[in-house]
Amino acid sequence: MAKRKPNAAFMKPVQPDDVLSAVVGSKPLPRTELTKKLWDYIKKNGLQDKKVRTQINADAALKVVFGGKAKVSMFEMTKLVSGHLKK
């Protein structure tokens, strides 16, 4: 069986805008790395909801990324973060 190739779209570096750069840094990075850095930040700051594990509680920096929302689901987070990537 052939080994699955990583999706090229996920490996292509994306450029975070100024808002997202405050959380993940300003260098272009593949989407996979971006997600990893986002989760590192969430874990480091204890922002994953203790009861509802799929909810992220935003701190000041993430609130800006999340369009002013104090809480978002993991799935919504992905969509909101995509809005902060420069094409």
C-alpha atoms as a PDB file:
ATOM      1  CA  MET A   1       0.000   0.000   0.000  1.00  0.00           C
ATOM      2  CA  ALA A   2       1.339   3.421  -0.927  1.00  0.00           C
ATOM      3  CA  LYS A   3       2.183   5.794   1.879  1.00  0.00           C
ATOM      4  CA  ARG A   4      -0.231   8.716   2.024  1.00  0.00           C
ATOM      5  CA  LYS A   5       1.382  11.973   0.976  1.00  0.00           C
ATOM      6  CA  PRO A   6       0.699  15.015   3.167  1.00  0.00           C
ATOM      7  CA  ASN A   7      -1.729  17.433   1.590  1.00  0.00           C
ATOM      8  CA  ALA A   8       0.351  20.105  -0.163  1.00  0.00           C
ATOM      9  CA  ALA A   9      -2.137  22.816   0.808  1.00  0.00           C
ATOM     10  CA  PHE A  10      -1.489  22.110   4.497  1.00  0.00           C
ATOM     11  CA  MET A  11       2.272  22.184   4.000  1.00  0.00           C
ATOM     12  CA  LYS A  12       2.345  25.478   2.100  1.00  0.00           C
ATOM     13  CA  PRO A  13       3.437  28.272   4.463  1.00  0.00           C
ATOM     14  CA  VAL A  14       0.741  30.778   5.348  1.00  0.00           C
ATOM     15  CA  GLN A  15       1.321  34.302   6.617  1.00  0.00           C
ATOM     16  CA  PRO A  16      -0.448  35.193   9.890  1.00  0.00           C
ATOM     17  CA  ASP A  17      -1.761  38.771  10.014  1.00  0.00           C
ATOM     18  CA  ASP A  18      -0.759  41.161  12.855  1.00  0.00           C
ATOM     19  CA  VAL A  19      -3.556  39.951  15.146  1.00  0.00           C
ATOM     20  CA  LEU A  20      -2.638  36.269  14.846  1.00  0.00           C
ATOM     21  CA  SER A  21       1.098  37.057  14.956  1.00  0.00           C
ATOM     22  CA  ALA A  22       0.673  38.136  18.577  1.00  0.00           C
ATOM     23  CA  VAL A  23      -0.129  34.499  19.386  1.00  0.00           C
ATOM     24  CA  VAL A  24       1.872  32.359  16.913  1.00  0.00           C
ATOM     25  CA  GLY A  25       4.675  34.679  15.750  1.00  0.00           C
ATOM     26  CA  SER A  26       4.988  36.639  12.513  1.00  0.00           C
ATOM     27  CA  LYS A  27       6.916  34.177  10.318  1.00  0.00           C
ATOM     28  CA  PRO A  28       5.085  32.334   7.527  1.00  0.00           C
ATOM     29  CA  LEU A  29       4.533  28.731   8.591  1.00  0.00           C
ATOM     30  CA  PRO A  30       2.653  25.680   7.364  1.00  0.00           C
ATOM     31  CA  ARG A  31      -0.931  25.378   8.595  1.00  0.00           C
ATOM     32  CA  THR A  32       0.006  22.275  10.584  1.00  0.00           C
ATOM     33  CA  GLU A  33       2.665  24.237  12.515  1.00  0.00           C
ATOM     34  CA  LEU A  34       0.285  27.139  12.993  1.00  0.00           C
ATOM     35  CA  THR A  35      -2.289  24.844  14.599  1.00  0.00           C
ATOM     36  CA  LYS A  36       0.396  23.275  16.784  1.00  0.00           C
ATOM     37  CA  LYS A  37       1.593  26.703  17.996  1.00  0.00           C
ATOM     38  CA  LEU A  38      -1.986  27.748  18.677  1.00  0.00           C
ATOM     39  CA  TRP A  39      -2.556  24.651  20.808  1.00  0.00           C
ATOM     40  CA  ASP A  40       0.768  25.158  22.631  1.00  0.00           C
ATOM     41  CA  TYR A  41      -0.421  28.679  23.492  1.00  0.00           C
ATOM     42  CA  ILE A  42      -3.857  27.438  24.608  1.00  0.00           C
ATOM     43  CA  LYS A  43      -2.322  24.727  26.811  1.00  0.00           C
ATOM     44  CA  LYS A  44       0.409  26.980  28.238  1.00  0.00           C
ATOM     45  CA  ASN A  45      -2.195  29.538  29.277  1.00  0.00           C
ATOM     46  CA  GLY A  46      -4.778  26.986  30.454  1.00  0.00           C
ATOM     47  CA  LEU A  47      -7.422  28.220  28.003  1.00  0.00           C
ATOM     48  CA  GLN A  48      -9.070  24.882  27.244  1.00  0.00           C
ATOM     49  CA  ASP A  49     -12.337  24.694  29.173  1.00  0.00           C
ATOM     50  CA  LYS A  50     -12.040  22.276  32.124  1.00  0.00           C
ATOM     51  CA  LYS A  51     -15.568  20.851  31.774  1.00  0.00           C
ATOM     52  CA  VAL A  52     -16.261  21.156  28.046  1.00  0.00           C
ATOM     53  CA  ARG A  53     -12.922  20.121  26.521  1.00  0.00           C
ATOM     54  CA  THR A  54     -13.924  21.216  23.007  1.00  0.00           C
ATOM     55  CA  GLN A  55     -14.382  24.824  24.183  1.00  0.00           C
ATOM     56  CA  ILE A  56     -11.560  27.362  24.182  1.00  0.00           C
ATOM     57  CA  ASN A  57     -11.779  30.260  26.632  1.00  0.00           C
ATOM     58  CA  ALA A  58     -10.132  33.264  25.003  1.00  0.00           C
ATOM     59  CA  ASP A  59      -7.637  35.491  26.781  1.00  0.00           C
ATOM     60  CA  ALA A  60      -7.080  39.075  25.592  1.00  0.00           C
ATOM     61  CA  ALA A  61      -4.877  38.053  22.620  1.00  0.00           C
ATOM     62  CA  LEU A  62      -7.150  35.237  21.447  1.00  0.00           C
ATOM     63  CA  LYS A  63     -10.295  37.309  21.905  1.00  0.00           C
ATOM     64  CA  VAL A  64      -9.048  39.579  19.108  1.00  0.00           C
ATOM     65  CA  VAL A  65      -8.339  36.538  16.901  1.00  0.00           C
ATOM     66  CA  PHE A  66     -11.810  35.162  17.705  1.00  0.00           C
ATOM     67  CA  GLY A  67     -13.555  38.383  16.656  1.00  0.00           C
ATOM     68  CA  GLY A  68     -14.309  39.459  20.225  1.00  0.00           C
ATOM     69  CA  LYS A  69     -15.806  36.122  21.342  1.00  0.00           C
ATOM     70  CA  ALA A  70     -14.915  34.958  24.863  1.00  0.00           C
ATOM     71  CA  LYS A  71     -15.549  31.267  24.063  1.00  0.00           C
ATOM     72  CA  VAL A  72     -15.367  29.297  20.850  1.00  0.00           C
ATOM     73  CA  SER A  73     -15.419  25.602  19.970  1.00  0.00           C
ATOM     74  CA  MET A  74     -12.314  23.961  18.491  1.00  0.00           C
ATOM     75  CA  PHE A  75     -14.101  23.743  15.146  1.00  0.00           C
ATOM     76  CA  GLU A  76     -15.097  27.391  15.137  1.00  0.00           C
ATOM     77  CA  MET A  77     -11.550  28.330  16.139  1.00  0.00           C
ATOM     78  CA  THR A  78     -10.151  26.799  12.929  1.00  0.00           C
ATOM     79  CA  LYS A  79     -12.557  28.852  10.829  1.00  0.00           C
ATOM     80  CA  LEU A  80     -11.838  32.088  12.726  1.00  0.00           C
ATOM     81  CA  VAL A  81      -8.065  31.577  12.521  1.00  0.00           C
ATOM     82  CA  SER A  82      -8.299  31.101   8.736  1.00  0.00           C
ATOM     83  CA  GLY A  83      -9.653  34.644   8.507  1.00  0.00           C
ATOM     84  CA  HIS A  84      -6.345  35.914   9.899  1.00  0.00           C
ATOM     85  CA  LEU A  85      -4.124  34.443   7.206  1.00  0.00           C
ATOM     86  CA  LYS A  86      -2.815  36.648   4.434  1.00  0.00           C
ATOM     87  CA  LYS A  87      -3.140  35.133   0.988  1.00  0.00           C
END
